Protein backbone atom coordinates (compact mmCIF):
# COMPACT_ATOMS: atom_id res chain seq x y z
CA MET A 1 103.52 81.62 126.75
CA SER A 2 104.79 78.23 127.80
CA ASP A 3 104.64 76.32 124.51
CA GLN A 4 106.21 78.22 121.64
CA SER A 5 106.68 75.17 119.40
CA TRP A 6 103.96 76.45 117.04
CA LEU A 7 105.71 79.77 116.37
CA PRO A 8 107.51 80.56 113.10
CA ARG A 9 110.99 79.07 112.92
CA ILE A 10 113.69 81.15 111.28
CA THR A 11 116.77 79.35 109.99
CA GLU A 12 119.48 81.91 110.63
CA SER A 13 121.89 80.44 108.09
CA ARG A 14 119.31 80.90 105.31
CA CYS A 15 118.22 84.41 106.26
CA ASP A 16 119.96 86.99 104.07
CA GLY A 17 118.63 89.94 106.06
CA CYS A 18 116.46 91.36 103.28
CA GLY A 19 113.82 92.39 105.84
CA ALA A 20 110.78 91.53 103.72
CA CYS A 21 109.25 89.48 106.52
CA ILE A 22 109.81 92.25 109.06
CA VAL A 23 108.18 94.88 106.85
CA GLU A 24 105.20 92.71 105.90
CA CYS A 25 104.43 91.18 109.34
CA PRO A 26 101.03 92.68 110.24
CA THR A 27 101.59 92.46 113.99
CA GLY A 28 105.23 93.55 114.34
CA THR A 29 106.25 90.14 115.64
CA LEU A 30 109.57 90.13 113.82
CA GLY A 31 112.57 92.37 114.22
CA TRP A 32 116.33 92.57 113.73
CA LYS A 33 119.18 90.93 115.60
CA ASP A 34 122.67 90.88 114.10
CA GLU A 35 121.22 91.84 110.70
CA LYS A 36 118.93 88.80 110.65
CA ALA A 37 115.19 88.42 111.20
CA VAL A 38 114.15 87.12 114.62
CA LEU A 39 110.98 86.79 116.67
CA ILE A 40 111.02 89.74 119.04
CA TYR A 41 107.38 89.69 120.17
CA PRO A 42 106.25 86.05 119.89
CA ASP A 43 103.01 86.74 121.76
CA ARG A 44 101.91 88.99 118.89
CA CYS A 45 102.09 86.23 116.26
CA ILE A 46 98.68 85.44 114.76
CA TYR A 47 99.97 82.59 112.59
CA CYS A 48 99.01 84.33 109.34
CA ALA A 49 101.94 82.77 107.43
CA THR A 50 102.85 86.07 105.75
CA CYS A 51 106.49 85.72 106.83
CA GLU A 52 106.77 82.17 105.54
CA THR A 53 105.16 83.06 102.22
CA ILE A 54 107.16 86.22 101.53
CA CYS A 55 110.65 84.99 102.48
CA PRO A 56 112.68 84.70 99.25
CA GLN A 57 115.21 82.40 100.93
CA SER A 58 112.64 80.01 102.47
CA ALA A 59 114.28 80.76 105.82
CA ILE A 60 110.98 80.81 107.70
CA GLU A 61 108.66 77.91 108.28
CA LEU A 62 105.59 77.49 110.37
CA PRO A 63 105.07 74.16 112.05
CA TYR A 64 101.61 72.87 111.28
CA LEU A 65 99.52 70.60 113.42
CA ILE A 66 96.78 68.66 111.69
CA LEU A 67 93.97 67.50 113.90
CA ARG A 68 91.31 65.01 112.95
CA CYS A 69 88.04 65.34 114.79
CA GLU A 70 85.81 62.34 115.24
CA GLY A 71 83.20 62.27 112.50
CA ASP A 72 85.21 64.33 110.00
CA LEU A 73 85.67 61.52 107.53
CA GLU A 74 82.47 59.61 108.01
């Protein structure tokens, strides 16, 4: 995958290693590295936002892209 800018971003300094995101990720995208959550299989991510929603430390955020199609607001 060449453009991974849309993938979940994990702020390592905020992650307390509770593992909630790893357990709840439906595709096994996340895993452990140095007792912190990391993306280990980015190609598996389905952008469900489970990790972002469940993180008690708000250490995970998903970048969102809002597109406006012609005719949407007419």
